[in-house]
C-alpha atoms as a PDB file:
ATOM      1  CA  MET A   1     -22.425 -22.499   7.963  1.00  0.00           C
ATOM      2  CA  SER A   2     -24.204 -22.696  11.236  1.00  0.00           C
ATOM      3  CA  PRO A   3     -22.998 -20.887  14.122  1.00  0.00           C
ATOM      4  CA  GLY A   4     -20.968 -22.866  17.299  1.00  0.00           C
ATOM      5  CA  PRO A   5     -23.002 -24.301  19.876  1.00  0.00           C
ATOM      6  CA  ARG A   6     -24.172 -22.083  22.553  1.00  0.00           C
ATOM      7  CA  ALA A   7     -24.473 -22.954  26.304  1.00  0.00           C
ATOM      8  CA  LEU A   8     -26.592 -21.068  29.067  1.00  0.00           C
ATOM      9  CA  ILE A   9     -25.493 -21.387  32.998  1.00  0.00           C
ATOM     10  CA  ALA A  10     -27.774 -21.344  35.675  1.00  0.00           C
ATOM     11  CA  GLU A  11     -25.687 -20.465  39.025  1.00  0.00           C
ATOM     12  CA  ASP A  12     -27.301 -18.369  41.614  1.00  0.00           C
ATOM     13  CA  GLU A  13     -23.380 -18.421  43.083  1.00  0.00           C
ATOM     14  CA  PRO A  14     -21.635 -15.758  40.712  1.00  0.00           C
ATOM     15  CA  LEU A  15     -18.045 -17.304  41.744  1.00  0.00           C
ATOM     16  CA  LEU A  16     -19.205 -20.780  40.917  1.00  0.00           C
ATOM     17  CA  ALA A  17     -20.510 -19.838  37.504  1.00  0.00           C
ATOM     18  CA  ALA A  18     -17.644 -17.749  36.804  1.00  0.00           C
ATOM     19  CA  ALA A  19     -15.203 -20.755  37.798  1.00  0.00           C
ATOM     20  CA  LEU A  20     -17.260 -23.087  35.194  1.00  0.00           C
ATOM     21  CA  ALA A  21     -16.775 -21.021  32.776  1.00  0.00           C
ATOM     22  CA  PRO A  22     -13.109 -20.953  31.966  1.00  0.00           C
ATOM     23  CA  GLY A  23     -13.407 -25.002  32.375  1.00  0.00           C
ATOM     24  CA  LEU A  24     -15.741 -25.047  29.518  1.00  0.00           C
ATOM     25  CA  ALA A  25     -13.753 -23.177  26.979  1.00  0.00           C
ATOM     26  CA  ALA A  26     -10.769 -25.113  27.481  1.00  0.00           C
ATOM     27  CA  CYS A  27     -12.491 -28.268  26.911  1.00  0.00           C
ATOM     28  CA  TRP A  28     -14.774 -26.856  24.163  1.00  0.00           C
ATOM     29  CA  PRO A  29     -13.240 -24.065  22.603  1.00  0.00           C
ATOM     30  CA  GLY A  30     -16.241 -23.082  20.510  1.00  0.00           C
ATOM     31  CA  LEU A  31     -18.793 -23.114  22.571  1.00  0.00           C
ATOM     32  CA  ALA A  32     -20.238 -19.561  23.208  1.00  0.00           C
ATOM     33  CA  LEU A  33     -21.493 -18.946  26.795  1.00  0.00           C
ATOM     34  CA  LEU A  34     -24.310 -16.569  27.087  1.00  0.00           C
ATOM     35  CA  PRO A  35     -24.651 -14.354  30.275  1.00  0.00           C
ATOM     36  CA  PRO A  36     -25.110 -16.487  32.804  1.00  0.00           C
ATOM     37  CA  ALA A  37     -28.939 -17.125  34.691  1.00  0.00           C
ATOM     38  CA  PRO A  38     -28.893 -16.466  38.774  1.00  0.00           C
ATOM     39  CA  ASP A  39     -31.817 -18.941  39.175  1.00  0.00           C
ATOM     40  CA  GLY A  40     -34.381 -20.760  38.122  1.00  0.00           C
ATOM     41  CA  ALA A  41     -36.851 -18.508  36.716  1.00  0.00           C
ATOM     42  CA  ALA A  42     -34.134 -16.402  34.772  1.00  0.00           C
ATOM     43  CA  VAL A  43     -33.001 -19.715  33.367  1.00  0.00           C
ATOM     44  CA  LEU A  44     -36.452 -20.753  32.190  1.00  0.00           C
ATOM     45  CA  ALA A  45     -36.602 -16.941  30.368  1.00  0.00           C
ATOM     46  CA  ALA A  46     -33.171 -16.802  29.044  1.00  0.00           C
ATOM     47  CA  ALA A  47     -33.746 -20.534  27.348  1.00  0.00           C
ATOM     48  CA  LEU A  48     -36.751 -19.991  25.504  1.00  0.00           C
ATOM     49  CA  ALA A  49     -35.590 -16.275  24.758  1.00  0.00           C
ATOM     50  CA  HIS A  50     -31.780 -17.571  22.923  1.00  0.00           C
ATOM     51  CA  ARG A  51     -32.467 -21.168  22.431  1.00  0.00           C
ATOM     52  CA  PRO A  52     -29.451 -22.400  23.785  1.00  0.00           C
ATOM     53  CA  ASP A  53     -27.688 -25.768  22.994  1.00  0.00           C
ATOM     54  CA  VAL A  54     -26.998 -27.028  26.115  1.00  0.00           C
ATOM     55  CA  CYS A  55     -27.629 -25.703  29.591  1.00  0.00           C
ATOM     56  CA  PHE A  56     -25.542 -26.455  32.833  1.00  0.00           C
ATOM     57  CA  LEU A  57     -28.021 -26.203  35.447  1.00  0.00           C
ATOM     58  CA  ASP A  58     -27.619 -26.146  39.249  1.00  0.00           C
ATOM     59  CA  ILE A  59     -30.597 -27.648  41.429  1.00  0.00           C
ATOM     60  CA  ARG A  60     -31.052 -25.616  44.908  1.00  0.00           C
ATOM     61  CA  MET A  61     -31.247 -21.693  43.097  1.00  0.00           C
ATOM     62  CA  PRO A  62     -34.119 -19.318  44.184  1.00  0.00           C
ATOM     63  CA  ARG A  63     -37.348 -18.971  42.444  1.00  0.00           C
ATOM     64  CA  LEU A  64     -37.455 -21.889  40.554  1.00  0.00           C
ATOM     65  CA  ASP A  65     -35.047 -24.731  41.246  1.00  0.00           C
ATOM     66  CA  GLY A  66     -33.016 -26.369  38.865  1.00  0.00           C
ATOM     67  CA  LEU A  67     -35.164 -30.076  38.300  1.00  0.00           C
ATOM     68  CA  ALA A  68     -38.674 -27.577  38.062  1.00  0.00           C
ATOM     69  CA  ALA A  69     -36.689 -25.316  35.380  1.00  0.00           C
ATOM     70  CA  ALA A  70     -35.243 -28.397  33.277  1.00  0.00           C
ATOM     71  CA  HIS A  71     -38.764 -29.150  33.256  1.00  0.00           C
ATOM     72  CA  ALA A  72     -40.406 -25.965  32.129  1.00  0.00           C
ATOM     73  CA  ILE A  73     -37.630 -25.764  29.761  1.00  0.00           C
ATOM     74  CA  ILE A  74     -38.887 -28.828  28.033  1.00  0.00           C
ATOM     75  CA  GLU A  75     -42.561 -28.023  28.101  1.00  0.00           C
ATOM     76  CA  ASP A  76     -42.474 -24.937  27.018  1.00  0.00           C
ATOM     77  CA  TRP A  77     -39.714 -25.090  24.200  1.00  0.00           C
ATOM     78  CA  PRO A  78     -41.014 -24.871  20.552  1.00  0.00           C
ATOM     79  CA  HIS A  79     -41.570 -28.227  18.896  1.00  0.00           C
ATOM     80  CA  ASP A  80     -39.748 -27.606  15.654  1.00  0.00           C
ATOM     81  CA  VAL A  81     -36.506 -27.113  17.699  1.00  0.00           C
ATOM     82  CA  PRO A  82     -34.507 -29.800  19.605  1.00  0.00           C
ATOM     83  CA  PRO A  83     -34.509 -28.956  23.483  1.00  0.00           C
ATOM     84  CA  PRO A  84     -31.293 -28.187  25.074  1.00  0.00           C
ATOM     85  CA  LEU A  85     -29.195 -30.918  26.835  1.00  0.00           C
ATOM     86  CA  MET A  86     -29.353 -30.691  30.077  1.00  0.00           C
ATOM     87  CA  VAL A  87     -26.114 -31.204  32.172  1.00  0.00           C
ATOM     88  CA  PHE A  88     -26.963 -31.000  36.244  1.00  0.00           C
ATOM     89  CA  VAL A  89     -23.980 -29.009  38.480  1.00  0.00           C
ATOM     90  CA  THR A  90     -24.145 -29.357  42.007  1.00  0.00           C
ATOM     91  CA  ALA A  91     -22.664 -29.874  45.140  1.00  0.00           C
ATOM     92  CA  HIS A  92     -25.613 -32.498  46.049  1.00  0.00           C
ATOM     93  CA  ASP A  93     -25.498 -36.075  44.968  1.00  0.00           C
ATOM     94  CA  GLU A  94     -28.720 -37.199  45.971  1.00  0.00           C
ATOM     95  CA  TYR A  95     -30.474 -35.275  43.511  1.00  0.00           C
ATOM     96  CA  ALA A  96     -28.866 -37.898  40.545  1.00  0.00           C
ATOM     97  CA  LEU A  97     -31.765 -39.968  39.814  1.00  0.00           C
ATOM     98  CA  ARG A  98     -34.069 -37.030  39.201  1.00  0.00           C
ATOM     99  CA  ALA A  99     -32.045 -35.046  37.287  1.00  0.00           C
ATOM    100  CA  PHE A 100     -32.067 -37.715  34.555  1.00  0.00           C
ATOM    101  CA  GLU A 101     -35.655 -38.207  35.029  1.00  0.00           C
ATOM    102  CA  ALA A 102     -35.596 -34.781  34.031  1.00  0.00           C
ATOM    103  CA  GLN A 103     -33.437 -35.584  30.844  1.00  0.00           C
ATOM    104  CA  ALA A 104     -30.468 -35.173  32.403  1.00  0.00           C
ATOM    105  CA  LEU A 105     -27.242 -36.180  29.667  1.00  0.00           C
ATOM    106  CA  ASP A 106     -24.894 -35.908  32.632  1.00  0.00           C
ATOM    107  CA  TYR A 107     -24.819 -35.197  36.530  1.00  0.00           C
ATOM    108  CA  LEU A 108     -21.258 -33.380  37.485  1.00  0.00           C
ATOM    109  CA  LEU A 109     -20.716 -32.727  41.100  1.00  0.00           C
ATOM    110  CA  LYS A 110     -18.679 -29.702  42.557  1.00  0.00           C
ATOM    111  CA  PRO A 111     -16.190 -28.629  42.012  1.00  0.00           C
ATOM    112  CA  VAL A 112     -15.887 -30.088  38.995  1.00  0.00           C
ATOM    113  CA  GLU A 113     -12.792 -31.969  38.143  1.00  0.00           C
ATOM    114  CA  HIS A 114     -11.483 -30.996  35.023  1.00  0.00           C
ATOM    115  CA  GLY A 115     -11.771 -34.735  33.460  1.00  0.00           C
ATOM    116  CA  ARG A 116     -15.341 -35.279  34.529  1.00  0.00           C
ATOM    117  CA  LEU A 117     -15.909 -31.787  32.660  1.00  0.00           C
ATOM    118  CA  ALA A 118     -14.067 -32.967  29.593  1.00  0.00           C
ATOM    119  CA  ALA A 119     -15.743 -36.279  29.208  1.00  0.00           C
ATOM    120  CA  CYS A 120     -18.985 -34.637  29.634  1.00  0.00           C
ATOM    121  CA  VAL A 121     -18.036 -31.885  27.070  1.00  0.00           C
ATOM    122  CA  ALA A 122     -17.125 -34.998  24.408  1.00  0.00           C
ATOM    123  CA  ARG A 123     -20.356 -36.622  25.568  1.00  0.00           C
ATOM    124  CA  LEU A 124     -22.228 -33.160  24.660  1.00  0.00           C
ATOM    125  CA  MET A 125     -20.463 -32.709  21.343  1.00  0.00           C
ATOM    126  CA  ARG A 126     -21.540 -36.305  20.167  1.00  0.00           C
ATOM    127  CA  GLN A 127     -24.967 -35.461  21.235  1.00  0.00           C
ATOM    128  CA  LEU A 128     -24.458 -32.003  19.177  1.00  0.00           C
ATOM    129  CA  GLY A 129     -23.481 -33.960  15.823  1.00  0.00           C
ATOM    130  CA  ASP A 130     -25.644 -36.678  16.028  1.00  0.00           C
ATOM    131  CA  ARG A 131     -28.977 -33.990  16.003  1.00  0.00           C
ATOM    132  CA  ARG A 132     -26.834 -31.831  13.133  1.00  0.00           C
ATOM    133  CA  GLU A 133     -26.454 -34.964  11.049  1.00  0.00           C
ATOM    134  CA  PRO A 134     -29.821 -35.362   9.940  1.00  0.00           C
ATOM    135  CA  ALA A 135     -30.075 -31.518   9.146  1.00  0.00           C
ATOM    136  CA  ALA A 136     -27.044 -31.515   6.878  1.00  0.00           C
ATOM    137  CA  ALA A 137     -28.080 -34.389   5.139  1.00  0.00           C
ATOM    138  CA  LEU A 138     -31.045 -33.065   3.968  1.00  0.00           C
ATOM    139  CA  ASP A 139     -29.562 -29.881   3.114  1.00  0.00           C
ATOM    140  CA  ASP A 140     -27.437 -31.753   0.847  1.00  0.00           C
ATOM    141  CA  ALA A 141     -30.268 -33.245  -0.630  1.00  0.00           C
ATOM    142  CA  VAL A 142     -32.136 -30.528  -1.436  1.00  0.00           C
ATOM    143  CA  ALA A 143     -29.032 -28.497  -2.980  1.00  0.00           C
ATOM    144  CA  GLN A 144     -27.973 -31.966  -5.114  1.00  0.00           C
ATOM    145  CA  LEU A 145     -32.184 -31.610  -6.660  1.00  0.00           C
ATOM    146  CA  ARG A 146     -31.627 -27.573  -6.761  1.00  0.00           C
ATOM    147  CA  ALA A 147     -28.799 -28.196  -9.363  1.00  0.00           C
ATOM    148  CA  VAL A 148     -30.830 -30.655 -11.221  1.00  0.00           C
ATOM    149  CA  PRO A 149     -32.150 -29.134 -14.867  1.00  0.00           C
ATOM    150  CA  ALA A 150     -35.534 -28.522 -15.082  1.00  0.00           C
ATOM    151  CA  PRO A 151     -37.236 -30.924 -17.818  1.00  0.00           C
ATOM    152  CA  ALA A 152     -37.771 -29.066 -20.832  1.00  0.00           C
ATOM    153  CA  ALA A 153     -41.293 -27.432 -21.611  1.00  0.00           C
ATOM    154  CA  VAL A 154     -42.958 -29.819 -24.400  1.00  0.00           C
END
């Protein structure tokens, strides 16, 4: 059985990072949260090291903004693993178009409303489920092939 999904929060304001965690826990009980990253460079390093399924990114952060971090994560991500789904969580609505150009699945405005977070989580869960279905089908096919007896030697 594969472990549950993992998420990484990138937020330079510790109180805001801490405020997102309970909402995620309420909407997505099986989600494991990695330690939050305080800036864009830290989220890049943490994402590449821990390979989360989802990244929740602030946009305005020190060292590397969230948009640049998302681009760098996708660029440096190993090709044999699907990259994390990106959700931008920010107080700045003017970056929405650029966020979606950076392959964002969603864009949440702070303070995050519970209904919007729940809708975002539902979309994330669907997307992750769609990713896992082909792999599960392949595992089932391999198991069935292994169960077939080998032909007798002549």
